[in-house]
Amino acid sequence: MAGNVLEINDNNFEQEVLQSDQPVLVDFWAPWCGPCKMLAPVIDEVADELAGKAKVGKLNTDESPNTATSYGINAIPTVLLFKNGEVVDRFMGIVPKEKLVDAVNQHL
């Protein structure tokens, strides 16, 4: 993972995402998922571009199934945008960087 991408899991999800005072973009992924590997560099670029303005993290659904299940993640990659602890946007599949950045910028 790139330097600006947080590793999010079941244990730190509430603190890093739900209690964050910044918008948080969370990429739900798994190591065996081909499209997830294709999306990974996009997530890294988004994290670099939004550093200091928003948090960007990745949650491995194999290692943190409780959080993934609680948000109805049944296909990966799925990217959720949280603001004030609520899901404000959802993206499935491979998403262009600009689309993710624009979505976050609308909630700054």
N, C-alpha and C. Protein backbone atom coordinates (compact mmCIF):
# COMPACT_ATOMS: atom_id res chain seq x y z
N MET A 1 0.83 -1.19 0.00
CA MET A 1 0.00 0.00 0.00
C MET A 1 0.88 1.25 0.00
N ALA A 2 0.38 2.26 -0.63
CA ALA A 2 1.12 3.53 -0.71
C ALA A 2 1.13 4.21 0.65
N GLY A 3 2.01 5.18 0.79
CA GLY A 3 2.19 5.86 2.06
C GLY A 3 0.95 6.56 2.60
N ASN A 4 0.08 7.04 1.72
CA ASN A 4 -1.10 7.78 2.18
C ASN A 4 -2.34 6.90 2.33
N VAL A 5 -2.23 5.61 2.04
CA VAL A 5 -3.38 4.71 2.14
C VAL A 5 -3.37 4.01 3.49
N LEU A 6 -4.46 4.16 4.23
CA LEU A 6 -4.59 3.53 5.54
C LEU A 6 -4.97 2.07 5.39
N GLU A 7 -4.49 1.25 6.29
CA GLU A 7 -4.96 -0.13 6.34
C GLU A 7 -6.08 -0.17 7.36
N ILE A 8 -7.27 -0.42 6.88
CA ILE A 8 -8.46 -0.41 7.74
C ILE A 8 -8.91 -1.85 7.95
N ASN A 9 -9.36 -2.15 9.18
CA ASN A 9 -9.84 -3.49 9.48
C ASN A 9 -10.99 -3.42 10.48
N ASP A 10 -11.51 -4.59 10.86
CA ASP A 10 -12.64 -4.62 11.79
C ASP A 10 -12.30 -3.90 13.10
N ASN A 11 -11.04 -3.97 13.53
CA ASN A 11 -10.64 -3.41 14.82
C ASN A 11 -10.55 -1.89 14.82
N ASN A 12 -10.10 -1.28 13.71
CA ASN A 12 -9.91 0.18 13.72
C ASN A 12 -10.94 0.93 12.88
N PHE A 13 -11.92 0.22 12.31
CA PHE A 13 -12.90 0.83 11.42
C PHE A 13 -13.65 1.98 12.09
N GLU A 14 -14.13 1.75 13.30
CA GLU A 14 -14.91 2.80 13.97
C GLU A 14 -14.07 4.05 14.19
N GLN A 15 -12.85 3.89 14.68
CA GLN A 15 -11.99 5.04 14.95
C GLN A 15 -11.56 5.74 13.66
N GLU A 16 -11.08 4.98 12.67
CA GLU A 16 -10.52 5.58 11.45
C GLU A 16 -11.59 6.11 10.50
N VAL A 17 -12.76 5.46 10.47
CA VAL A 17 -13.78 5.82 9.49
C VAL A 17 -14.98 6.52 10.13
N LEU A 18 -15.64 5.85 11.04
CA LEU A 18 -16.89 6.39 11.58
C LEU A 18 -16.68 7.63 12.44
N GLN A 19 -15.55 7.73 13.14
CA GLN A 19 -15.30 8.88 14.00
C GLN A 19 -14.43 9.94 13.32
N SER A 20 -14.12 9.77 12.06
CA SER A 20 -13.25 10.71 11.36
C SER A 20 -13.95 12.04 11.13
N ASP A 21 -13.19 13.13 11.28
CA ASP A 21 -13.76 14.45 10.99
C ASP A 21 -13.54 14.82 9.52
N GLN A 22 -12.90 13.95 8.76
CA GLN A 22 -12.71 14.14 7.32
C GLN A 22 -13.51 13.06 6.58
N PRO A 23 -13.87 13.32 5.31
CA PRO A 23 -14.46 12.25 4.52
C PRO A 23 -13.46 11.09 4.41
N VAL A 24 -13.98 9.86 4.34
CA VAL A 24 -13.12 8.68 4.24
C VAL A 24 -13.60 7.81 3.08
N LEU A 25 -12.67 7.54 2.15
CA LEU A 25 -12.94 6.65 1.03
C LEU A 25 -12.36 5.29 1.39
N VAL A 26 -13.19 4.24 1.39
CA VAL A 26 -12.73 2.91 1.78
C VAL A 26 -12.91 1.94 0.61
N ASP A 27 -11.80 1.34 0.20
CA ASP A 27 -11.78 0.34 -0.86
C ASP A 27 -11.88 -1.04 -0.22
N PHE A 28 -13.00 -1.73 -0.46
CA PHE A 28 -13.18 -3.11 0.02
C PHE A 28 -12.62 -4.04 -1.05
N TRP A 29 -11.62 -4.85 -0.69
CA TRP A 29 -10.88 -5.64 -1.66
C TRP A 29 -10.46 -6.98 -1.04
N ALA A 30 -9.85 -7.83 -1.86
CA ALA A 30 -9.23 -9.07 -1.39
C ALA A 30 -8.04 -9.39 -2.30
N PRO A 31 -7.03 -10.08 -1.75
CA PRO A 31 -5.80 -10.34 -2.51
C PRO A 31 -6.02 -11.19 -3.77
N TRP A 32 -7.05 -12.03 -3.79
CA TRP A 32 -7.29 -12.93 -4.92
C TRP A 32 -8.12 -12.28 -6.02
N CYS A 33 -8.57 -11.05 -5.82
CA CYS A 33 -9.49 -10.38 -6.73
C CYS A 33 -8.72 -9.62 -7.82
N GLY A 34 -8.83 -10.08 -9.06
CA GLY A 34 -8.14 -9.44 -10.18
C GLY A 34 -8.51 -7.97 -10.37
N PRO A 35 -9.81 -7.64 -10.46
CA PRO A 35 -10.19 -6.23 -10.61
C PRO A 35 -9.71 -5.37 -9.44
N CYS A 36 -9.61 -5.95 -8.24
CA CYS A 36 -9.10 -5.19 -7.08
C CYS A 36 -7.65 -4.78 -7.32
N LYS A 37 -6.88 -5.68 -7.91
CA LYS A 37 -5.47 -5.39 -8.20
C LYS A 37 -5.37 -4.28 -9.24
N MET A 38 -6.32 -4.24 -10.18
CA MET A 38 -6.33 -3.20 -11.20
C MET A 38 -6.71 -1.84 -10.60
N LEU A 39 -7.57 -1.86 -9.58
CA LEU A 39 -8.01 -0.62 -8.94
C LEU A 39 -6.97 -0.08 -7.96
N ALA A 40 -6.11 -0.93 -7.43
CA ALA A 40 -5.16 -0.53 -6.39
C ALA A 40 -4.34 0.71 -6.73
N PRO A 41 -3.73 0.80 -7.93
CA PRO A 41 -2.96 2.01 -8.22
C PRO A 41 -3.82 3.27 -8.30
N VAL A 42 -5.07 3.13 -8.68
CA VAL A 42 -6.00 4.27 -8.71
C VAL A 42 -6.24 4.76 -7.28
N ILE A 43 -6.45 3.82 -6.36
CA ILE A 43 -6.67 4.17 -4.95
C ILE A 43 -5.44 4.89 -4.40
N ASP A 44 -4.25 4.39 -4.76
CA ASP A 44 -3.00 5.04 -4.31
C ASP A 44 -2.92 6.47 -4.81
N GLU A 45 -3.28 6.69 -6.08
CA GLU A 45 -3.24 8.05 -6.66
C GLU A 45 -4.26 8.97 -5.99
N VAL A 46 -5.44 8.45 -5.73
CA VAL A 46 -6.48 9.24 -5.06
C VAL A 46 -5.99 9.64 -3.66
N ALA A 47 -5.37 8.70 -2.95
CA ALA A 47 -4.87 8.98 -1.60
C ALA A 47 -3.81 10.08 -1.64
N ASP A 48 -2.92 10.02 -2.63
CA ASP A 48 -1.88 11.04 -2.74
C ASP A 48 -2.49 12.40 -3.06
N GLU A 49 -3.46 12.41 -3.97
CA GLU A 49 -4.07 13.68 -4.38
C GLU A 49 -4.88 14.33 -3.26
N LEU A 50 -5.49 13.51 -2.43
CA LEU A 50 -6.38 14.05 -1.38
C LEU A 50 -5.71 14.11 -0.01
N ALA A 51 -4.42 13.82 0.06
CA ALA A 51 -3.71 13.83 1.33
C ALA A 51 -3.94 15.15 2.07
N GLY A 52 -4.32 15.04 3.34
CA GLY A 52 -4.58 16.23 4.15
C GLY A 52 -6.01 16.73 4.07
N LYS A 53 -6.75 16.31 3.05
CA LYS A 53 -8.14 16.75 2.89
C LYS A 53 -9.13 15.65 3.24
N ALA A 54 -8.75 14.41 2.94
CA ALA A 54 -9.62 13.26 3.19
C ALA A 54 -8.75 12.05 3.46
N LYS A 55 -9.35 11.05 4.11
CA LYS A 55 -8.65 9.78 4.34
C LYS A 55 -9.01 8.80 3.23
N VAL A 56 -8.04 7.98 2.86
CA VAL A 56 -8.29 6.91 1.90
C VAL A 56 -7.73 5.63 2.50
N GLY A 57 -8.54 4.59 2.53
CA GLY A 57 -8.09 3.34 3.13
C GLY A 57 -8.56 2.14 2.36
N LYS A 58 -7.93 1.00 2.68
CA LYS A 58 -8.29 -0.27 2.06
C LYS A 58 -8.64 -1.25 3.16
N LEU A 59 -9.74 -1.98 2.95
CA LEU A 59 -10.16 -2.99 3.91
C LEU A 59 -10.19 -4.34 3.21
N ASN A 60 -9.36 -5.26 3.68
CA ASN A 60 -9.30 -6.62 3.12
C ASN A 60 -10.51 -7.40 3.64
N THR A 61 -11.41 -7.75 2.73
CA THR A 61 -12.66 -8.40 3.14
C THR A 61 -12.44 -9.81 3.68
N ASP A 62 -11.33 -10.45 3.30
CA ASP A 62 -11.02 -11.78 3.84
C ASP A 62 -10.60 -11.68 5.31
N GLU A 63 -9.88 -10.61 5.65
CA GLU A 63 -9.38 -10.45 7.01
C GLU A 63 -10.36 -9.71 7.92
N SER A 64 -11.28 -8.94 7.34
CA SER A 64 -12.24 -8.17 8.13
C SER A 64 -13.66 -8.36 7.58
N PRO A 65 -14.16 -9.60 7.68
CA PRO A 65 -15.49 -9.89 7.08
C PRO A 65 -16.65 -9.21 7.79
N ASN A 66 -16.51 -8.88 9.09
CA ASN A 66 -17.63 -8.30 9.82
C ASN A 66 -18.02 -6.94 9.27
N THR A 67 -17.04 -6.09 9.03
CA THR A 67 -17.32 -4.76 8.50
C THR A 67 -17.90 -4.86 7.10
N ALA A 68 -17.29 -5.70 6.27
CA ALA A 68 -17.78 -5.86 4.90
C ALA A 68 -19.23 -6.33 4.90
N THR A 69 -19.55 -7.30 5.74
CA THR A 69 -20.92 -7.82 5.82
C THR A 69 -21.89 -6.75 6.31
N SER A 70 -21.47 -5.96 7.30
CA SER A 70 -22.38 -4.96 7.86
C SER A 70 -22.73 -3.87 6.86
N TYR A 71 -21.89 -3.69 5.83
CA TYR A 71 -22.19 -2.69 4.79
C TYR A 71 -22.68 -3.32 3.50
N GLY A 72 -23.05 -4.59 3.56
CA GLY A 72 -23.65 -5.26 2.41
C GLY A 72 -22.72 -5.41 1.22
N ILE A 73 -21.42 -5.57 1.50
CA ILE A 73 -20.46 -5.75 0.41
C ILE A 73 -20.55 -7.19 -0.07
N ASN A 74 -21.12 -7.38 -1.27
CA ASN A 74 -21.23 -8.72 -1.81
C ASN A 74 -20.51 -8.88 -3.13
N ALA A 75 -19.85 -7.84 -3.59
CA ALA A 75 -19.01 -7.88 -4.78
C ALA A 75 -17.85 -6.93 -4.55
N ILE A 76 -16.67 -7.35 -4.98
CA ILE A 76 -15.50 -6.47 -4.83
C ILE A 76 -14.82 -6.32 -6.17
N PRO A 77 -14.15 -5.21 -6.42
CA PRO A 77 -13.99 -4.11 -5.48
C PRO A 77 -15.25 -3.26 -5.36
N THR A 78 -15.51 -2.84 -4.14
CA THR A 78 -16.54 -1.84 -3.86
C THR A 78 -15.87 -0.74 -3.06
N VAL A 79 -16.13 0.51 -3.42
CA VAL A 79 -15.55 1.65 -2.72
C VAL A 79 -16.70 2.44 -2.11
N LEU A 80 -16.62 2.65 -0.79
CA LEU A 80 -17.63 3.45 -0.10
C LEU A 80 -17.01 4.76 0.35
N LEU A 81 -17.79 5.83 0.24
CA LEU A 81 -17.37 7.14 0.74
C LEU A 81 -18.20 7.45 1.98
N PHE A 82 -17.50 7.69 3.08
CA PHE A 82 -18.15 8.00 4.35
C PHE A 82 -17.94 9.47 4.70
N LYS A 83 -18.98 10.07 5.25
CA LYS A 83 -18.86 11.42 5.82
C LYS A 83 -19.68 11.43 7.11
N ASN A 84 -19.05 11.88 8.19
CA ASN A 84 -19.71 11.90 9.50
C ASN A 84 -20.29 10.53 9.87
N GLY A 85 -19.55 9.47 9.52
CA GLY A 85 -19.95 8.12 9.90
C GLY A 85 -21.03 7.50 9.03
N GLU A 86 -21.47 8.20 7.99
CA GLU A 86 -22.53 7.70 7.11
C GLU A 86 -21.99 7.46 5.70
N VAL A 87 -22.53 6.45 5.03
CA VAL A 87 -22.17 6.21 3.63
C VAL A 87 -22.88 7.27 2.78
N VAL A 88 -22.10 8.05 2.03
CA VAL A 88 -22.69 9.09 1.19
C VAL A 88 -22.53 8.78 -0.30
N ASP A 89 -21.71 7.78 -0.63
CA ASP A 89 -21.56 7.36 -2.02
C ASP A 89 -21.01 5.95 -2.07
N ARG A 90 -21.32 5.24 -3.17
CA ARG A 90 -20.89 3.84 -3.33
C ARG A 90 -20.52 3.62 -4.79
N PHE A 91 -19.38 2.98 -4.99
CA PHE A 91 -18.90 2.66 -6.34
C PHE A 91 -18.56 1.19 -6.40
N MET A 92 -18.96 0.53 -7.48
CA MET A 92 -18.63 -0.89 -7.65
C MET A 92 -17.79 -1.07 -8.90
N GLY A 93 -16.83 -1.99 -8.81
CA GLY A 93 -15.97 -2.27 -9.95
C GLY A 93 -14.83 -1.28 -10.06
N ILE A 94 -14.23 -1.24 -11.23
CA ILE A 94 -13.08 -0.36 -11.46
C ILE A 94 -13.61 1.03 -11.80
N VAL A 95 -13.19 2.00 -11.00
CA VAL A 95 -13.70 3.37 -11.10
C VAL A 95 -12.55 4.29 -11.48
N PRO A 96 -12.78 5.22 -12.42
CA PRO A 96 -11.73 6.18 -12.77
C PRO A 96 -11.37 7.08 -11.59
N LYS A 97 -10.10 7.43 -11.51
CA LYS A 97 -9.60 8.29 -10.42
C LYS A 97 -10.41 9.57 -10.31
N GLU A 98 -10.69 10.21 -11.44
CA GLU A 98 -11.40 11.49 -11.43
C GLU A 98 -12.76 11.37 -10.77
N LYS A 99 -13.44 10.26 -11.00
CA LYS A 99 -14.78 10.06 -10.43
C LYS A 99 -14.70 9.98 -8.90
N LEU A 100 -13.70 9.29 -8.39
CA LEU A 100 -13.53 9.17 -6.94
C LEU A 100 -13.13 10.51 -6.33
N VAL A 101 -12.19 11.20 -6.95
CA VAL A 101 -11.74 12.49 -6.45
C VAL A 101 -12.89 13.49 -6.45
N ASP A 102 -13.67 13.52 -7.54
CA ASP A 102 -14.81 14.44 -7.62
C ASP A 102 -15.83 14.15 -6.52
N ALA A 103 -16.09 12.87 -6.26
CA ALA A 103 -17.06 12.49 -5.23
C ALA A 103 -16.59 12.97 -3.86
N VAL A 104 -15.31 12.78 -3.55
CA VAL A 104 -14.78 13.22 -2.27
C VAL A 104 -14.84 14.75 -2.18
N ASN A 105 -14.43 15.44 -3.24
CA ASN A 105 -14.42 16.91 -3.23
C ASN A 105 -15.80 17.50 -2.97
N GLN A 106 -16.85 16.80 -3.36
CA GLN A 106 -18.22 17.28 -3.13
C GLN A 106 -18.56 17.25 -1.63
N HIS A 107 -17.80 16.49 -0.87
CA HIS A 107 -18.13 16.32 0.57
C HIS A 107 -17.09 16.96 1.48
N LEU A 108 -16.20 17.76 0.93
CA LEU A 108 -15.19 18.44 1.77
C LEU A 108 -15.81 19.65 2.46
